[in-house]
Amino acid sequence: MMRLFVALALLSTAAMAQTVPEPSDFRNDHYRAPVPDQITGGTTIGPEEAHSLWQDQSAAFIDVLPQPPKPANLPEGTIWRDKPRDSIPGTIWLPNVGYGAIADVTADYFRTGLESSTNGDLNHGVVFFCLEDCWMSWNAARRVIEWGYTNVYWFPEGTDGWALWGYPLEQVEPFPGQPVAGGG
């Protein structure tokens, strides 16, 4: 029995140690899954590096956690409240921009928020995050690298890792102008 337990523990550890290959294109499904440990053209950072950039105010922080839309078929009179989002203080929240394929209106919203947070400077540092094991932040970081941004940081542990280290969180609201349709 003990051998079985040890074998299962070793197998589990080996499975956790497997690296996820970086895809050649955007991730278009199963967004909450293990992510690669790198992003070509950008820098992968952990909570300590993210906190340092945040303290120095040397990069804009962009949260790309999706926000579910209000269901169209709610009974009349039903009160709908968006789920609050606790994020890194000073963050700009651009919900739904991290899907693999986004509509033009969502891309425009993304560009507007990005330009607002970087003053349109393609060399300004920008940190993308969501939750741990969330492909949305990888997709968003990859997209801005393709748009020509040169100082892109990807924080794959997101607010989960940030909170684990005891760093502060605050409630944020979506950046104004969010399109009704998220994906595309």
Protein backbone atom coordinates (compact mmCIF):
# COMPACT_ATOMS: atom_id res chain seq x y z
CA MET A 1 0.00 0.00 0.00
CA MET A 2 2.82 2.38 0.90
CA ARG A 3 4.53 1.69 -2.44
CA LEU A 4 1.33 2.52 -4.27
CA PHE A 5 1.07 5.82 -2.38
CA VAL A 6 4.70 6.72 -3.17
CA ALA A 7 4.25 5.76 -6.82
CA LEU A 8 1.12 7.92 -7.10
CA ALA A 9 2.88 10.82 -5.38
CA LEU A 10 5.83 10.59 -7.79
CA LEU A 11 3.51 10.34 -10.78
CA SER A 12 1.57 13.38 -9.56
CA THR A 13 4.79 15.36 -9.06
CA ALA A 14 6.01 14.38 -12.54
CA ALA A 15 2.72 15.47 -14.08
CA MET A 16 2.93 18.84 -12.30
CA ALA A 17 6.51 19.31 -13.53
CA GLN A 18 5.53 18.92 -17.18
CA THR A 19 5.91 22.12 -19.10
CA VAL A 20 3.19 23.43 -21.35
CA PRO A 21 4.58 24.27 -24.79
CA GLU A 22 4.08 27.80 -26.01
CA PRO A 23 1.56 27.64 -28.87
CA SER A 24 2.24 29.15 -32.28
CA ASP A 25 -1.04 31.08 -32.19
CA PHE A 26 -3.62 32.38 -29.72
CA ARG A 27 -5.38 29.98 -27.37
CA ASN A 28 -9.06 29.75 -28.39
CA ASP A 29 -10.60 27.43 -25.80
CA HIS A 30 -10.10 25.96 -22.34
CA TYR A 31 -8.83 29.27 -21.01
CA ARG A 32 -8.48 28.01 -17.41
CA ALA A 33 -5.72 25.46 -17.85
CA PRO A 34 -1.99 25.20 -17.22
CA VAL A 35 -0.05 27.84 -19.16
CA PRO A 36 3.45 27.93 -20.66
CA ASP A 37 6.31 29.35 -18.64
CA GLN A 38 7.25 31.91 -21.28
CA ILE A 39 5.94 34.25 -23.93
CA THR A 40 8.05 34.98 -26.97
CA GLY A 41 8.74 38.69 -27.27
CA GLY A 42 7.82 39.38 -23.65
CA THR A 43 9.07 38.74 -20.14
CA THR A 44 7.40 36.31 -17.74
CA ILE A 45 7.37 37.60 -14.16
CA GLY A 46 6.29 36.31 -10.76
CA PRO A 47 4.66 38.10 -7.84
CA GLU A 48 7.86 39.66 -6.49
CA GLU A 49 8.85 41.14 -9.86
CA ALA A 50 5.28 42.34 -10.43
CA HIS A 51 5.24 43.98 -7.01
CA SER A 52 8.54 45.72 -7.72
CA LEU A 53 7.22 47.11 -11.03
CA TRP A 54 4.04 48.18 -9.23
CA GLN A 55 5.95 49.93 -6.42
CA ASP A 56 8.24 51.70 -8.90
CA GLN A 57 5.23 52.64 -11.05
CA SER A 58 7.41 51.65 -14.01
CA ALA A 59 4.72 49.72 -15.86
CA ALA A 60 1.00 49.92 -16.50
CA PHE A 61 -0.99 47.01 -15.05
CA ILE A 62 -3.79 45.57 -17.17
CA ASP A 63 -6.22 43.00 -15.81
CA VAL A 64 -7.96 41.00 -18.54
CA LEU A 65 -10.28 38.82 -16.44
CA PRO A 66 -13.49 38.31 -18.44
CA GLN A 67 -16.75 39.75 -17.17
CA PRO A 68 -19.82 37.67 -17.91
CA PRO A 69 -22.59 39.63 -19.64
CA LYS A 70 -26.01 40.08 -18.13
CA PRO A 71 -28.10 37.10 -19.29
CA ALA A 72 -30.64 38.12 -21.93
CA ASN A 73 -33.36 35.77 -20.62
CA LEU A 74 -33.64 37.03 -17.03
CA PRO A 75 -37.22 37.32 -15.84
CA GLU A 76 -38.58 40.87 -15.77
CA GLY A 77 -37.75 42.63 -12.53
CA THR A 78 -34.70 40.47 -11.79
CA ILE A 79 -31.90 42.51 -10.25
CA TRP A 80 -28.53 41.88 -11.90
CA ARG A 81 -25.30 42.73 -10.15
CA ASP A 82 -21.95 42.28 -11.83
CA LYS A 83 -19.51 40.22 -9.80
CA PRO A 84 -17.03 42.57 -8.09
CA ARG A 85 -13.39 42.29 -9.18
CA ASP A 86 -10.59 42.68 -6.66
CA SER A 87 -7.39 43.50 -8.49
CA ILE A 88 -3.99 45.10 -8.14
CA PRO A 89 -4.38 48.75 -7.07
CA GLY A 90 -4.09 51.21 -9.95
CA THR A 91 -4.89 48.54 -12.51
CA ILE A 92 -6.93 49.19 -15.61
CA TRP A 93 -9.46 46.37 -16.09
CA LEU A 94 -10.11 45.49 -19.72
CA PRO A 95 -12.52 42.55 -19.51
CA ASN A 96 -12.86 40.12 -22.38
CA VAL A 97 -9.85 41.29 -24.41
CA GLY A 98 -7.93 38.07 -23.75
CA TYR A 99 -9.97 35.71 -25.87
CA GLY A 100 -8.08 34.07 -28.71
CA ALA A 101 -10.29 35.70 -31.32
CA ILE A 102 -11.79 39.09 -30.59
CA ALA A 103 -14.23 41.22 -32.55
CA ASP A 104 -13.03 44.49 -34.07
CA VAL A 105 -15.04 46.45 -31.50
CA THR A 106 -13.26 44.54 -28.70
CA ALA A 107 -9.86 45.13 -30.32
CA ASP A 108 -10.68 48.85 -30.53
CA TYR A 109 -11.67 48.86 -26.85
CA PHE A 110 -8.42 47.03 -26.02
CA ARG A 111 -6.32 49.53 -28.00
CA THR A 112 -8.09 52.49 -26.38
CA GLY A 113 -7.48 51.16 -22.87
CA LEU A 114 -3.90 50.24 -23.68
CA GLU A 115 -3.16 53.66 -25.19
CA SER A 116 -4.76 55.32 -22.16
CA SER A 117 -2.54 53.41 -19.75
CA THR A 118 0.69 53.83 -21.75
CA ASN A 119 0.06 57.28 -23.26
CA GLY A 120 0.43 55.58 -26.63
CA ASP A 121 4.11 54.83 -25.95
CA LEU A 122 4.99 51.44 -27.50
CA ASN A 123 8.06 51.24 -25.22
CA HIS A 124 6.14 51.85 -21.98
CA GLY A 125 6.17 48.82 -19.68
CA VAL A 126 2.89 46.98 -19.48
CA VAL A 127 1.98 44.01 -17.25
CA PHE A 128 -0.82 41.63 -18.28
CA PHE A 129 -2.52 39.35 -15.80
CA CYS A 130 -5.75 37.58 -14.91
CA LEU A 131 -5.91 34.62 -12.54
CA GLU A 132 -3.49 31.75 -12.12
CA ASP A 133 -3.60 29.30 -15.04
CA CYS A 134 -5.58 31.67 -17.22
CA TRP A 135 -4.74 31.91 -20.90
CA MET A 136 -6.51 35.27 -21.23
CA SER A 137 -3.43 37.17 -20.01
CA TRP A 138 -1.10 35.20 -22.29
CA ASN A 139 -3.34 35.96 -25.29
CA ALA A 140 -3.55 39.66 -24.38
CA ALA A 141 0.22 39.95 -23.92
CA ARG A 142 0.86 38.16 -27.20
CA ARG A 143 -1.60 40.44 -29.01
CA VAL A 144 0.13 43.65 -27.85
CA ILE A 145 3.52 42.20 -28.74
CA GLU A 146 2.12 41.75 -32.27
CA TRP A 147 0.88 45.36 -32.13
CA GLY A 148 4.48 46.49 -31.60
CA TYR A 149 4.75 46.98 -27.84
CA THR A 150 8.32 46.25 -26.78
CA ASN A 151 8.27 46.15 -22.97
CA VAL A 152 5.59 43.55 -22.28
CA TYR A 153 5.43 41.62 -19.02
CA TRP A 154 3.25 38.58 -18.52
CA PHE A 155 2.28 37.76 -14.93
CA PRO A 156 0.78 34.25 -15.18
CA GLU A 157 0.02 33.90 -11.46
CA GLY A 158 -2.21 36.98 -11.65
CA THR A 159 -4.22 38.17 -8.69
CA ASP A 160 -4.10 34.68 -7.17
CA GLY A 161 -0.31 34.86 -6.84
CA TRP A 162 -0.42 38.54 -5.87
CA ALA A 163 -2.83 37.82 -3.00
CA LEU A 164 -0.86 34.74 -1.91
CA TRP A 165 2.12 37.02 -1.27
CA GLY A 166 -0.08 39.31 0.83
CA TYR A 167 0.06 42.24 -1.58
CA PRO A 168 -2.88 44.66 -1.55
CA LEU A 169 -5.99 44.32 -3.68
CA GLU A 170 -8.74 46.83 -4.40
CA GLN A 171 -12.08 46.62 -6.14
CA VAL A 172 -11.90 47.82 -9.75
CA GLU A 173 -14.47 48.65 -12.39
CA PRO A 174 -14.15 47.89 -16.11
CA PHE A 175 -12.53 50.56 -18.25
CA PRO A 176 -15.31 52.70 -19.80
CA GLY A 177 -16.62 51.80 -23.22
CA GLN A 178 -16.66 48.03 -22.81
CA PRO A 179 -18.38 46.39 -25.81
CA VAL A 180 -21.55 44.42 -25.12
CA ALA A 181 -20.18 41.30 -26.85
CA GLY A 182 -16.93 40.01 -25.37
CA GLY A 183 -15.43 37.31 -27.61
CA GLY A 184 -15.68 37.65 -31.32
